[in-house]
PDB file of N, CA and C in Angstrom:
ATOM      1  N   MET A   1    -135.735  11.225  62.987  1.00  0.00           N
ATOM      2  CA  MET A   1    -135.312  11.098  61.752  1.00  0.00           C
ATOM      3  C   MET A   1    -134.902  11.995  61.097  1.00  0.00           C
ATOM      4  N   ASN A   2    -133.986  11.849  60.206  1.00  0.00           N
ATOM      5  CA  ASN A   2    -133.491  12.453  59.284  1.00  0.00           C
ATOM      6  C   ASN A   2    -135.060  12.610  57.951  1.00  0.00           C
ATOM      7  N   ALA A   3    -135.748  14.761  57.843  1.00  0.00           N
ATOM      8  CA  ALA A   3    -135.899  14.689  56.158  1.00  0.00           C
ATOM      9  C   ALA A   3    -134.992  15.231  55.516  1.00  0.00           C
ATOM     10  N   PRO A   4    -136.217  14.243  54.578  1.00  0.00           N
ATOM     11  CA  PRO A   4    -134.972  14.293  53.224  1.00  0.00           C
ATOM     12  C   PRO A   4    -135.349  16.592  52.726  1.00  0.00           C
ATOM     13  N   VAL A   5    -134.472  16.339  52.212  1.00  0.00           N
ATOM     14  CA  VAL A   5    -134.539  17.786  52.215  1.00  0.00           C
ATOM     15  C   VAL A   5    -134.428  18.027  50.144  1.00  0.00           C
ATOM     16  N   LYS A   6    -134.626  18.917  49.725  1.00  0.00           N
ATOM     17  CA  LYS A   6    -135.143  19.518  48.366  1.00  0.00           C
ATOM     18  C   LYS A   6    -134.187  20.509  48.269  1.00  0.00           C
ATOM     19  N   PHE A   7    -132.617  20.274  47.533  1.00  0.00           N
ATOM     20  CA  PHE A   7    -131.735  20.746  46.729  1.00  0.00           C
ATOM     21  C   PHE A   7    -131.883  21.515  46.202  1.00  0.00           C
ATOM     22  N   ASP A   8    -133.141  21.097  44.545  1.00  0.00           N
ATOM     23  CA  ASP A   8    -133.067  22.010  43.606  1.00  0.00           C
ATOM     24  C   ASP A   8    -134.416  23.485  44.140  1.00  0.00           C
ATOM     25  N   VAL A   9    -134.973  22.961  45.302  1.00  0.00           N
ATOM     26  CA  VAL A   9    -135.429  24.518  45.661  1.00  0.00           C
ATOM     27  C   VAL A   9    -134.449  25.477  46.332  1.00  0.00           C
ATOM     28  N   ILE A  10    -133.447  24.903  46.699  1.00  0.00           N
ATOM     29  CA  ILE A  10    -132.885  25.837  47.269  1.00  0.00           C
ATOM     30  C   ILE A  10    -131.945  26.658  46.876  1.00  0.00           C
ATOM     31  N   ALA A  11    -131.141  25.903  45.523  1.00  0.00           N
ATOM     32  CA  ALA A  11    -130.718  25.940  44.313  1.00  0.00           C
ATOM     33  C   ALA A  11    -131.516  27.242  43.252  1.00  0.00           C
ATOM     34  N   ALA A  12    -132.741  26.938  43.503  1.00  0.00           N
ATOM     35  CA  ALA A  12    -133.387  28.254  42.513  1.00  0.00           C
ATOM     36  C   ALA A  12    -133.547  28.981  43.237  1.00  0.00           C
ATOM     37  N   SER A  13    -133.650  29.260  44.541  1.00  0.00           N
ATOM     38  CA  SER A  13    -133.632  30.672  44.557  1.00  0.00           C
ATOM     39  C   SER A  13    -132.193  31.084  44.414  1.00  0.00           C
ATOM     40  N   SER A  14    -131.433  30.643  45.064  1.00  0.00           N
ATOM     41  CA  SER A  14    -129.891  31.535  45.402  1.00  0.00           C
ATOM     42  C   SER A  14    -130.286  32.086  43.128  1.00  0.00           C
ATOM     43  N   SER A  15    -130.371  31.443  42.777  1.00  0.00           N
ATOM     44  CA  SER A  15    -129.841  31.779  41.479  1.00  0.00           C
ATOM     45  C   SER A  15    -131.062  33.126  40.836  1.00  0.00           C
ATOM     46  N   LYS A  16    -132.113  33.673  41.517  1.00  0.00           N
ATOM     47  CA  LYS A  16    -132.710  34.675  40.937  1.00  0.00           C
ATOM     48  C   LYS A  16    -132.092  36.409  40.878  1.00  0.00           C
ATOM     49  N   PRO A  17    -132.551  36.223  39.585  1.00  0.00           N
ATOM     50  CA  PRO A  17    -131.503  37.396  39.096  1.00  0.00           C
ATOM     51  C   PRO A  17    -132.041  38.742  40.353  1.00  0.00           C
ATOM     52  N   ARG A  18    -130.701  39.435  40.579  1.00  0.00           N
ATOM     53  CA  ARG A  18    -130.910  40.781  41.035  1.00  0.00           C
ATOM     54  C   ARG A  18    -131.545  42.145  40.798  1.00  0.00           C
ATOM     55  N   ASP A  19    -132.122  42.936  41.116  1.00  0.00           N
ATOM     56  CA  ASP A  19    -133.274  43.818  41.182  1.00  0.00           C
ATOM     57  C   ASP A  19    -132.320  44.823  41.246  1.00  0.00           C
ATOM     58  N   PHE A  20    -132.254  45.255  39.385  1.00  0.00           N
ATOM     59  CA  PHE A  20    -130.703  46.109  39.685  1.00  0.00           C
ATOM     60  C   PHE A  20    -131.651  48.006  40.276  1.00  0.00           C
ATOM     61  N   VAL A  21    -132.658  48.324  40.198  1.00  0.00           N
ATOM     62  CA  VAL A  21    -132.798  48.400  40.551  1.00  0.00           C
ATOM     63  C   VAL A  21    -133.102  49.317  41.837  1.00  0.00           C
ATOM     64  N   MET A  22    -133.415  48.454  42.711  1.00  0.00           N
ATOM     65  CA  MET A  22    -133.600  48.241  44.011  1.00  0.00           C
ATOM     66  C   MET A  22    -132.220  48.332  44.789  1.00  0.00           C
ATOM     67  N   GLN A  23    -130.695  47.341  44.226  1.00  0.00           N
ATOM     68  CA  GLN A  23    -129.365  46.805  44.303  1.00  0.00           C
ATOM     69  C   GLN A  23    -128.609  47.720  42.919  1.00  0.00           C
ATOM     70  N   PRO A  24    -128.276  49.599  42.738  1.00  0.00           N
ATOM     71  CA  PRO A  24    -128.283  49.756  41.774  1.00  0.00           C
ATOM     72  C   PRO A  24    -126.387  49.365  41.815  1.00  0.00           C
ATOM     73  N   PRO A  25    -125.896  49.406  40.471  1.00  0.00           N
ATOM     74  CA  PRO A  25    -124.477  48.605  40.741  1.00  0.00           C
ATOM     75  C   PRO A  25    -123.605  50.037  41.447  1.00  0.00           C
ATOM     76  N   GLN A  26    -122.592  49.532  41.720  1.00  0.00           N
ATOM     77  CA  GLN A  26    -121.646  50.562  42.333  1.00  0.00           C
ATOM     78  C   GLN A  26    -120.976  51.328  40.846  1.00  0.00           C
ATOM     79  N   SER A  27    -119.201  52.543  40.967  1.00  0.00           N
ATOM     80  CA  SER A  27    -119.212  53.219  40.604  1.00  0.00           C
ATOM     81  C   SER A  27    -117.792  51.941  39.889  1.00  0.00           C
ATOM     82  N   LEU A  28    -117.622  52.385  38.683  1.00  0.00           N
ATOM     83  CA  LEU A  28    -116.604  51.390  38.256  1.00  0.00           C
ATOM     84  C   LEU A  28    -116.857  49.649  38.160  1.00  0.00           C
ATOM     85  N   ASP A  29    -118.083  49.433  38.323  1.00  0.00           N
ATOM     86  CA  ASP A  29    -118.940  47.998  37.961  1.00  0.00           C
ATOM     87  C   ASP A  29    -118.910  47.630  36.255  1.00  0.00           C
ATOM     88  N   ARG A  30    -118.746  46.737  35.950  1.00  0.00           N
ATOM     89  CA  ARG A  30    -118.821  46.303  34.483  1.00  0.00           C
ATOM     90  C   ARG A  30    -120.040  45.780  34.235  1.00  0.00           C
ATOM     91  N   ILE A  31    -121.734  46.420  33.679  1.00  0.00           N
ATOM     92  CA  ILE A  31    -122.365  45.823  33.532  1.00  0.00           C
ATOM     93  C   ILE A  31    -122.700  45.768  31.993  1.00  0.00           C
ATOM     94  N   THR A  32    -123.907  44.879  31.885  1.00  0.00           N
ATOM     95  CA  THR A  32    -124.105  44.641  30.545  1.00  0.00           C
ATOM     96  C   THR A  32    -125.643  45.447  30.425  1.00  0.00           C
ATOM     97  N   PHE A  33    -125.849  46.017  29.393  1.00  0.00           N
ATOM     98  CA  PHE A  33    -127.607  46.159  29.422  1.00  0.00           C
ATOM     99  C   PHE A  33    -128.243  45.877  27.896  1.00  0.00           C
ATOM    100  N   ASN A  34    -129.158  46.020  28.236  1.00  0.00           N
ATOM    101  CA  ASN A  34    -130.149  45.825  26.784  1.00  0.00           C
ATOM    102  C   ASN A  34    -130.376  47.406  26.853  1.00  0.00           C
ATOM    103  N   THR A  35    -130.059  47.437  25.262  1.00  0.00           N
ATOM    104  CA  THR A  35    -130.742  48.327  24.545  1.00  0.00           C
ATOM    105  C   THR A  35    -131.475  48.643  23.277  1.00  0.00           C
ATOM    106  N   PRO A  36    -132.586  49.090  23.098  1.00  0.00           N
ATOM    107  CA  PRO A  36    -133.654  48.428  21.857  1.00  0.00           C
ATOM    108  C   PRO A  36    -133.014  48.895  20.663  1.00  0.00           C
ATOM    109  N   ASP A  37    -132.230  50.097  20.879  1.00  0.00           N
ATOM    110  CA  ASP A  37    -131.884  50.445  19.368  1.00  0.00           C
ATOM    111  C   ASP A  37    -130.506  49.193  19.197  1.00  0.00           C
ATOM    112  N   ASP A  38    -129.460  49.530  20.011  1.00  0.00           N
ATOM    113  CA  ASP A  38    -128.445  48.661  19.328  1.00  0.00           C
ATOM    114  C   ASP A  38    -127.917  46.838  20.236  1.00  0.00           C
ATOM    115  N   GLY A  39    -129.063  46.450  20.818  1.00  0.00           N
ATOM    116  CA  GLY A  39    -128.720  45.049  21.520  1.00  0.00           C
ATOM    117  C   GLY A  39    -128.288  45.601  22.799  1.00  0.00           C
ATOM    118  N   VAL A  40    -127.315  44.293  22.879  1.00  0.00           N
ATOM    119  CA  VAL A  40    -126.939  43.941  24.212  1.00  0.00           C
ATOM    120  C   VAL A  40    -125.432  44.885  24.187  1.00  0.00           C
ATOM    121  N   LEU A  41    -125.334  45.793  25.074  1.00  0.00           N
ATOM    122  CA  LEU A  41    -123.880  46.558  25.279  1.00  0.00           C
ATOM    123  C   LEU A  41    -123.402  46.701  26.824  1.00  0.00           C
ATOM    124  N   ALA A  42    -122.187  46.629  26.766  1.00  0.00           N
ATOM    125  CA  ALA A  42    -121.275  46.442  27.760  1.00  0.00           C
ATOM    126  C   ALA A  42    -120.483  47.931  28.336  1.00  0.00           C
ATOM    127  N   GLY A  43    -120.297  48.065  29.194  1.00  0.00           N
ATOM    128  CA  GLY A  43    -119.560  49.252  29.943  1.00  0.00           C
ATOM    129  C   GLY A  43    -119.291  49.288  31.596  1.00  0.00           C
ATOM    130  N   TYR A  44    -118.593  50.914  31.897  1.00  0.00           N
ATOM    131  CA  TYR A  44    -117.965  50.970  32.746  1.00  0.00           C
ATOM    132  C   TYR A  44    -119.650  52.080  33.652  1.00  0.00           C
ATOM    133  N   VAL A  45    -119.519  51.664  35.113  1.00  0.00           N
ATOM    134  CA  VAL A  45    -120.275  52.705  35.523  1.00  0.00           C
ATOM    135  C   VAL A  45    -119.251  53.834  36.077  1.00  0.00           C
ATOM    136  N   SER A  46    -120.261  54.803  35.764  1.00  0.00           N
ATOM    137  CA  SER A  46    -119.642  55.920  36.673  1.00  0.00           C
ATOM    138  C   SER A  46    -120.633  56.915  37.186  1.00  0.00           C
ATOM    139  N   VAL A  47    -121.880  56.709  37.287  1.00  0.00           N
ATOM    140  CA  VAL A  47    -122.225  57.237  38.591  1.00  0.00           C
ATOM    141  C   VAL A  47    -123.837  57.228  38.476  1.00  0.00           C
ATOM    142  N   ILE A  48    -124.999  56.647  39.589  1.00  0.00           N
ATOM    143  CA  ILE A  48    -125.793  56.675  39.435  1.00  0.00           C
ATOM    144  C   ILE A  48    -126.505  58.302  39.182  1.00  0.00           C
ATOM    145  N   ARG A  49    -127.774  58.613  38.557  1.00  0.00           N
ATOM    146  CA  ARG A  49    -128.489  59.784  38.373  1.00  0.00           C
ATOM    147  C   ARG A  49    -129.968  59.575  38.597  1.00  0.00           C
ATOM    148  N   GLN A  50    -130.228  60.840  39.031  1.00  0.00           N
ATOM    149  CA  GLN A  50    -132.075  60.245  39.114  1.00  0.00           C
ATOM    150  C   GLN A  50    -132.354  61.280  37.830  1.00  0.00           C
ATOM    151  N   HIS A  51    -133.056  60.797  37.108  1.00  0.00           N
ATOM    152  CA  HIS A  51    -133.872  62.006  36.345  1.00  0.00           C
ATOM    153  C   HIS A  51    -134.325  63.158  36.363  1.00  0.00           C
ATOM    154  N   LEU A  52    -134.428  64.326  36.091  1.00  0.00           N
ATOM    155  CA  LEU A  52    -135.246  65.251  36.212  1.00  0.00           C
ATOM    156  C   LEU A  52    -136.501  65.751  36.259  1.00  0.00           C
ATOM    157  N   GLY A  53    -137.162  64.695  35.492  1.00  0.00           N
ATOM    158  CA  GLY A  53    -138.507  64.974  34.838  1.00  0.00           C
ATOM    159  C   GLY A  53    -139.310  63.842  35.828  1.00  0.00           C
ATOM    160  N   ASN A  54    -139.011  62.482  35.355  1.00  0.00           N
ATOM    161  CA  ASN A  54    -139.846  61.540  35.996  1.00  0.00           C
ATOM    162  C   ASN A  54    -139.029  60.852  37.162  1.00  0.00           C
ATOM    163  N   GLY A  55    -138.077  61.158  37.301  1.00  0.00           N
ATOM    164  CA  GLY A  55    -137.635  60.642  39.051  1.00  0.00           C
ATOM    165  C   GLY A  55    -137.033  59.419  38.468  1.00  0.00           C
ATOM    166  N   GLN A  56    -137.083  58.715  37.443  1.00  0.00           N
ATOM    167  CA  GLN A  56    -135.687  57.549  37.192  1.00  0.00           C
ATOM    168  C   GLN A  56    -134.505  57.700  37.197  1.00  0.00           C
ATOM    169  N   ARG A  57    -134.508  56.718  38.171  1.00  0.00           N
ATOM    170  CA  ARG A  57    -133.019  56.623  37.927  1.00  0.00           C
ATOM    171  C   ARG A  57    -132.037  56.002  36.982  1.00  0.00           C
ATOM    172  N   PHE A  58    -131.368  56.854  36.784  1.00  0.00           N
ATOM    173  CA  PHE A  58    -130.159  56.113  35.737  1.00  0.00           C
ATOM    174  C   PHE A  58    -128.632  55.994  35.367  1.00  0.00           C
ATOM    175  N   ALA A  59    -127.942  55.037  35.256  1.00  0.00           N
ATOM    176  CA  ALA A  59    -126.588  54.850  35.499  1.00  0.00           C
ATOM    177  C   ALA A  59    -126.204  54.715  34.144  1.00  0.00           C
ATOM    178  N   TRP A  60    -125.095  56.458  34.066  1.00  0.00           N
ATOM    179  CA  TRP A  60    -124.132  57.144  33.530  1.00  0.00           C
ATOM    180  C   TRP A  60    -122.851  55.814  33.286  1.00  0.00           C
ATOM    181  N   VAL A  61    -123.057  55.301  31.815  1.00  0.00           N
ATOM    182  CA  VAL A  61    -122.129  53.999  31.334  1.00  0.00           C
ATOM    183  C   VAL A  61    -121.384  54.675  30.452  1.00  0.00           C
ATOM    184  N   GLU A  62    -119.622  54.319  30.460  1.00  0.00           N
ATOM    185  CA  GLU A  62    -118.933  54.571  29.318  1.00  0.00           C
ATOM    186  C   GLU A  62    -119.019  53.363  28.891  1.00  0.00           C
ATOM    187  N   LEU A  63    -119.436  53.338  27.300  1.00  0.00           N
ATOM    188  CA  LEU A  63    -119.203  51.696  26.915  1.00  0.00           C
ATOM    189  C   LEU A  63    -117.767  51.867  26.343  1.00  0.00           C
ATOM    190  N   ASP A  64    -118.406  50.655  25.643  1.00  0.00           N
ATOM    191  CA  ASP A  64    -116.668  48.960  25.970  1.00  0.00           C
ATOM    192  C   ASP A  64    -116.487  49.420  24.101  1.00  0.00           C
ATOM    193  N   ASN A  65    -115.298  50.060  23.648  1.00  0.00           N
ATOM    194  CA  ASN A  65    -115.242  50.245  22.636  1.00  0.00           C
ATOM    195  C   ASN A  65    -115.369  51.352  21.525  1.00  0.00           C
ATOM    196  N   GLU A  66    -115.706  52.250  22.639  1.00  0.00           N
ATOM    197  CA  GLU A  66    -116.072  54.022  21.978  1.00  0.00           C
ATOM    198  C   GLU A  66    -114.797  54.945  22.619  1.00  0.00           C
ATOM    199  N   LEU A  67    -114.587  55.025  21.892  1.00  0.00           N
ATOM    200  CA  LEU A  67    -114.015  56.978  22.252  1.00  0.00           C
ATOM    201  C   LEU A  67    -114.087  56.890  23.793  1.00  0.00           C
ATOM    202  N   ALA A  68    -113.353  57.733  24.445  1.00  0.00           N
ATOM    203  CA  ALA A  68    -113.262  57.430  25.729  1.00  0.00           C
ATOM    204  C   ALA A  68    -113.692  58.864  26.074  1.00  0.00           C
ATOM    205  N   GLY A  69    -114.817  58.911  26.980  1.00  0.00           N
ATOM    206  CA  GLY A  69    -115.477  60.119  27.875  1.00  0.00           C
ATOM    207  C   GLY A  69    -117.096  60.208  26.657  1.00  0.00           C
ATOM    208  N   GLN A  70    -117.132  59.043  26.350  1.00  0.00           N
ATOM    209  CA  GLN A  70    -118.803  58.919  25.484  1.00  0.00           C
ATOM    210  C   GLN A  70    -119.915  58.038  26.609  1.00  0.00           C
ATOM    211  N   PHE A  71    -120.675  58.696  27.377  1.00  0.00           N
ATOM    212  CA  PHE A  71    -121.445  57.560  28.601  1.00  0.00           C
ATOM    213  C   PHE A  71    -122.778  57.700  27.658  1.00  0.00           C
ATOM    214  N   ARG A  72    -123.575  56.490  28.075  1.00  0.00           N
ATOM    215  CA  ARG A  72    -124.937  56.516  27.604  1.00  0.00           C
ATOM    216  C   ARG A  72    -125.465  56.293  28.861  1.00  0.00           C
ATOM    217  N   GLY A  73    -126.693  56.801  29.197  1.00  0.00           N
ATOM    218  CA  GLY A  73    -127.618  56.503  30.413  1.00  0.00           C
ATOM    219  C   GLY A  73    -128.306  55.964  30.625  1.00  0.00           C
ATOM    220  N   VAL A  74    -128.431  54.688  31.168  1.00  0.00           N
ATOM    221  CA  VAL A  74    -128.736  53.020  30.820  1.00  0.00           C
ATOM    222  C   VAL A  74    -130.193  52.680  32.297  1.00  0.00           C
ATOM    223  N   PRO A  75    -131.378  52.835  31.831  1.00  0.00           N
ATOM    224  CA  PRO A  75    -132.249  52.842  33.130  1.00  0.00           C
ATOM    225  C   PRO A  75    -131.941  51.722  33.960  1.00  0.00           C
ATOM    226  N   LEU A  76    -131.802  51.525  35.214  1.00  0.00           N
ATOM    227  CA  LEU A  76    -131.430  50.764  35.937  1.00  0.00           C
ATOM    228  C   LEU A  76    -132.072  48.600  35.410  1.00  0.00           C
ATOM    229  N   ALA A  77    -133.384  49.280  35.094  1.00  0.00           N
ATOM    230  CA  ALA A  77    -133.997  48.122  34.542  1.00  0.00           C
ATOM    231  C   ALA A  77    -133.909  47.368  33.725  1.00  0.00           C
ATOM    232  N   ASP A  78    -132.818  48.082  33.092  1.00  0.00           N
ATOM    233  CA  ASP A  78    -132.490  47.396  31.372  1.00  0.00           C
ATOM    234  C   ASP A  78    -131.187  46.862  31.770  1.00  0.00           C
ATOM    235  N   ILE A  79    -130.357  46.851  33.298  1.00  0.00           N
ATOM    236  CA  ILE A  79    -128.743  46.069  33.464  1.00  0.00           C
ATOM    237  C   ILE A  79    -129.606  44.677  33.657  1.00  0.00           C
ATOM    238  N   ILE A  80    -128.565  43.986  32.819  1.00  0.00           N
ATOM    239  CA  ILE A  80    -128.527  42.495  32.697  1.00  0.00           C
ATOM    240  C   ILE A  80    -127.426  41.909  33.446  1.00  0.00           C
ATOM    241  N   THR A  81    -126.553  42.387  33.846  1.00  0.00           N
ATOM    242  CA  THR A  81    -125.598  41.123  34.820  1.00  0.00           C
ATOM    243  C   THR A  81    -124.270  42.316  35.336  1.00  0.00           C
ATOM    244  N   SER A  82    -124.415  42.626  35.809  1.00  0.00           N
ATOM    245  CA  SER A  82    -123.001  43.534  36.859  1.00  0.00           C
ATOM    246  C   SER A  82    -122.062  42.468  38.062  1.00  0.00           C
ATOM    247  N   ASP A  83    -120.692  42.812  37.359  1.00  0.00           N
ATOM    248  CA  ASP A  83    -119.550  42.018  38.050  1.00  0.00           C
ATOM    249  C   ASP A  83    -119.031  42.576  39.247  1.00  0.00           C
ATOM    250  N   ASP A  84    -120.027  44.053  39.791  1.00  0.00           N
ATOM    251  CA  ASP A  84    -119.834  43.875  41.195  1.00  0.00           C
ATOM    252  C   ASP A  84    -117.990  44.304  41.562  1.00  0.00           C
ATOM    253  N   ALA A  85    -117.141  44.439  40.347  1.00  0.00           N
ATOM    254  CA  ALA A  85    -115.568  44.705  40.701  1.00  0.00           C
ATOM    255  C   ALA A  85    -115.063  45.922  40.888  1.00  0.00           C
ATOM    256  N   GLY A  86    -115.738  46.947  41.068  1.00  0.00           N
ATOM    257  CA  GLY A  86    -115.589  48.108  40.967  1.00  0.00           C
ATOM    258  C   GLY A  86    -114.879  48.997  42.297  1.00  0.00           C
ATOM    259  N   ASP A  87    -115.418  48.071  42.685  1.00  0.00           N
ATOM    260  CA  ASP A  87    -114.439  48.307  44.725  1.00  0.00           C
ATOM    261  C   ASP A  87    -112.926  48.031  44.397  1.00  0.00           C
ATOM    262  N   LEU A  88    -113.042  47.015  43.688  1.00  0.00           N
ATOM    263  CA  LEU A  88    -111.073  46.284  43.664  1.00  0.00           C
ATOM    264  C   LEU A  88    -110.696  47.311  42.803  1.00  0.00           C
ATOM    265  N   ARG A  89    -111.268  47.907  41.554  1.00  0.00           N
ATOM    266  CA  ARG A  89    -111.752  48.686  40.246  1.00  0.00           C
ATOM    267  C   ARG A  89    -110.536  50.162  40.694  1.00  0.00           C
ATOM    268  N   ARG A  90    -111.466  50.412  42.416  1.00  0.00           N
ATOM    269  CA  ARG A  90    -110.933  51.712  43.195  1.00  0.00           C
ATOM    270  C   ARG A  90    -109.978  51.777  43.815  1.00  0.00           C
ATOM    271  N   HIS A  91    -109.279  50.447  43.982  1.00  0.00           N
ATOM    272  CA  HIS A  91    -108.430  49.985  45.606  1.00  0.00           C
ATOM    273  C   HIS A  91    -107.401  49.676  44.752  1.00  0.00           C
ATOM    274  N   THR A  92    -106.992  49.995  43.912  1.00  0.00           N
ATOM    275  CA  THR A  92    -106.072  48.597  43.418  1.00  0.00           C
ATOM    276  C   THR A  92    -104.265  49.479  43.674  1.00  0.00           C
ATOM    277  N   TRP A  93    -104.259  48.898  43.970  1.00  0.00           N
ATOM    278  CA  TRP A  93    -102.567  49.256  44.299  1.00  0.00           C
ATOM    279  C   TRP A  93    -101.250  49.896  43.376  1.00  0.00           C
ATOM    280  N   ASN A  94    -101.677  49.019  42.053  1.00  0.00           N
ATOM    281  CA  ASN A  94    -100.307  49.492  41.056  1.00  0.00           C
ATOM    282  C   ASN A  94    -100.796  51.037  41.160  1.00  0.00           C
ATOM    283  N   GLN A  95    -102.322  51.189  40.660  1.00  0.00           N
ATOM    284  CA  GLN A  95    -102.700  53.107  40.504  1.00  0.00           C
ATOM    285  C   GLN A  95    -103.313  52.569  39.180  1.00  0.00           C
ATOM    286  N   GLU A  96    -103.908  51.621  38.425  1.00  0.00           N
ATOM    287  CA  GLU A  96    -104.107  51.102  37.529  1.00  0.00           C
ATOM    288  C   GLU A  96    -105.429  50.838  37.098  1.00  0.00           C
ATOM    289  N   ALA A  97    -106.600  51.487  37.723  1.00  0.00           N
ATOM    290  CA  ALA A  97    -107.546  51.387  37.792  1.00  0.00           C
ATOM    291  C   ALA A  97    -108.495  52.118  36.402  1.00  0.00           C
ATOM    292  N   LYS A  98    -109.118  51.505  36.012  1.00  0.00           N
ATOM    293  CA  LYS A  98    -109.819  52.316  34.934  1.00  0.00           C
ATOM    294  C   LYS A  98    -110.412  53.254  35.110  1.00  0.00           C
ATOM    295  N   ARG A  99    -109.607  55.040  34.776  1.00  0.00           N
ATOM    296  CA  ARG A  99    -110.226  55.612  34.941  1.00  0.00           C
ATOM    297  C   ARG A  99    -111.679  56.385  33.281  1.00  0.00           C
ATOM    298  N   LEU A 100    -112.448  56.861  34.575  1.00  0.00           N
ATOM    299  CA  LEU A 100    -113.639  57.531  33.775  1.00  0.00           C
ATOM    300  C   LEU A 100    -113.388  58.893  33.302  1.00  0.00           C
ATOM    301  N   CYS A 101    -113.997  58.991  32.259  1.00  0.00           N
ATOM    302  CA  CYS A 101    -113.907  61.156  32.257  1.00  0.00           C
ATOM    303  C   CYS A 101    -114.771  61.786  32.339  1.00  0.00           C
ATOM    304  N   LEU A 102    -116.179  61.065  32.961  1.00  0.00           N
ATOM    305  CA  LEU A 102    -117.410  61.659  33.608  1.00  0.00           C
ATOM    306  C   LEU A 102    -116.725  62.332  35.335  1.00  0.00           C
ATOM    307  N   GLY A 103    -117.009  62.805  35.449  1.00  0.00           N
ATOM    308  CA  GLY A 103    -115.843  64.069  36.720  1.00  0.00           C
ATOM    309  C   GLY A 103    -116.432  65.401  37.044  1.00  0.00           C
ATOM    310  N   ASP A 104    -116.292  65.373  38.323  1.00  0.00           N
ATOM    311  CA  ASP A 104    -116.376  67.690  38.640  1.00  0.00           C
ATOM    312  C   ASP A 104    -114.937  68.259  39.123  1.00  0.00           C
ATOM    313  N   TYR A 105    -114.266  68.707  37.561  1.00  0.00           N
ATOM    314  CA  TYR A 105    -112.772  69.364  37.712  1.00  0.00           C
ATOM    315  C   TYR A 105    -113.373  70.506  38.097  1.00  0.00           C
ATOM    316  N   SER A 106    -114.121  71.311  38.585  1.00  0.00           N
ATOM    317  CA  SER A 106    -114.445  72.266  38.608  1.00  0.00           C
ATOM    318  C   SER A 106    -113.938  73.012  40.209  1.00  0.00           C
ATOM    319  N   SER A 107    -113.277  72.227  40.687  1.00  0.00           N
ATOM    320  CA  SER A 107    -112.264  72.897  42.078  1.00  0.00           C
ATOM    321  C   SER A 107    -110.712  72.721  41.428  1.00  0.00           C
ATOM    322  N   CYS A 108    -110.467  72.367  40.494  1.00  0.00           N
ATOM    323  CA  CYS A 108    -109.246  72.245  39.781  1.00  0.00           C
ATOM    324  C   CYS A 108    -108.809  73.384  38.914  1.00  0.00           C
ATOM    325  N   LEU A 109    -110.450  73.716  37.927  1.00  0.00           N
ATOM    326  CA  LEU A 109    -110.390  74.522  37.509  1.00  0.00           C
ATOM    327  C   LEU A 109    -109.943  75.961  38.223  1.00  0.00           C
ATOM    328  N   ARG A 110    -110.950  76.068  39.195  1.00  0.00           N
ATOM    329  CA  ARG A 110    -110.729  77.259  40.260  1.00  0.00           C
ATOM    330  C   ARG A 110    -109.626  77.657  40.870  1.00  0.00           C
ATOM    331  N   ARG A 111    -108.680  76.529  40.895  1.00  0.00           N
ATOM    332  CA  ARG A 111    -107.281  76.309  41.102  1.00  0.00           C
ATOM    333  C   ARG A 111    -106.607  76.930  40.644  1.00  0.00           C
ATOM    334  N   GLU A 112    -106.519  76.651  39.267  1.00  0.00           N
ATOM    335  CA  GLU A 112    -105.684  76.950  38.333  1.00  0.00           C
ATOM    336  C   GLU A 112    -105.909  78.818  38.755  1.00  0.00           C
ATOM    337  N   PHE A 113    -107.166  79.193  38.211  1.00  0.00           N
ATOM    338  CA  PHE A 113    -107.251  80.518  37.772  1.00  0.00           C
ATOM    339  C   PHE A 113    -106.732  80.990  38.913  1.00  0.00           C
ATOM    340  N   GLU A 114    -107.227  80.779  39.501  1.00  0.00           N
ATOM    341  CA  GLU A 114    -106.604  81.792  40.818  1.00  0.00           C
ATOM    342  C   GLU A 114    -105.190  81.886  41.316  1.00  0.00           C
ATOM    343  N   LYS A 115    -104.392  81.034  40.580  1.00  0.00           N
ATOM    344  CA  LYS A 115    -103.055  80.772  40.967  1.00  0.00           C
ATOM    345  C   LYS A 115    -102.748  82.238  38.999  1.00  0.00           C
ATOM    346  N   ARG A 116    -103.175  82.082  38.504  1.00  0.00           N
ATOM    347  CA  ARG A 116    -102.969  83.029  37.265  1.00  0.00           C
ATOM    348  C   ARG A 116    -103.550  84.375  37.576  1.00  0.00           C
ATOM    349  N   GLU A 117    -104.398  84.878  38.921  1.00  0.00           N
ATOM    350  CA  GLU A 117    -105.015  85.830  38.859  1.00  0.00           C
ATOM    351  C   GLU A 117    -103.815  86.406  39.560  1.00  0.00           C
ATOM    352  N   PRO A 118    -103.845  87.952  38.906  1.00  0.00           N
ATOM    353  CA  PRO A 118    -102.712  88.934  39.635  1.00  0.00           C
ATOM    354  C   PRO A 118    -102.680  89.545  40.617  1.00  0.00           C
ATOM    355  N   GLN A 119    -101.772  89.194  41.823  1.00  0.00           N
ATOM    356  CA  GLN A 119    -101.987  89.537  43.622  1.00  0.00           C
ATOM    357  C   GLN A 119    -102.203  91.074  43.060  1.00  0.00           C
ATOM    358  N   SER A 120    -103.278  91.815  43.943  1.00  0.00           N
ATOM    359  CA  SER A 120    -103.093  92.985  44.694  1.00  0.00           C
ATOM    360  C   SER A 120    -103.347  93.522  45.171  1.00  0.00           C
TER     361      SER A 120
END
């Protein structure tokens, strides 16, 4: 005999919201998040960092509709959604990926200084 299947139970388990603290978004994922002062905002994740004081992890997010290079630290618990398309943005064939301004350019700067220093 075939047992009846409850499809609503299966659908309910798959629609469970993602826990962004345990499964944080990746670099270049577009996320929406809730803020106490500005409401719901959106932007692209640059990097996930840990707070030095309390150990809480934050996503550094470049906000939409703001000047380039303006980032906001967002606690992972405040993230509402993520498109999980950062991997696609990083590996585009036409090099038109979203570029974020937050990065470590110290090695480039060091090379420039080495070029300009007089050789003795």
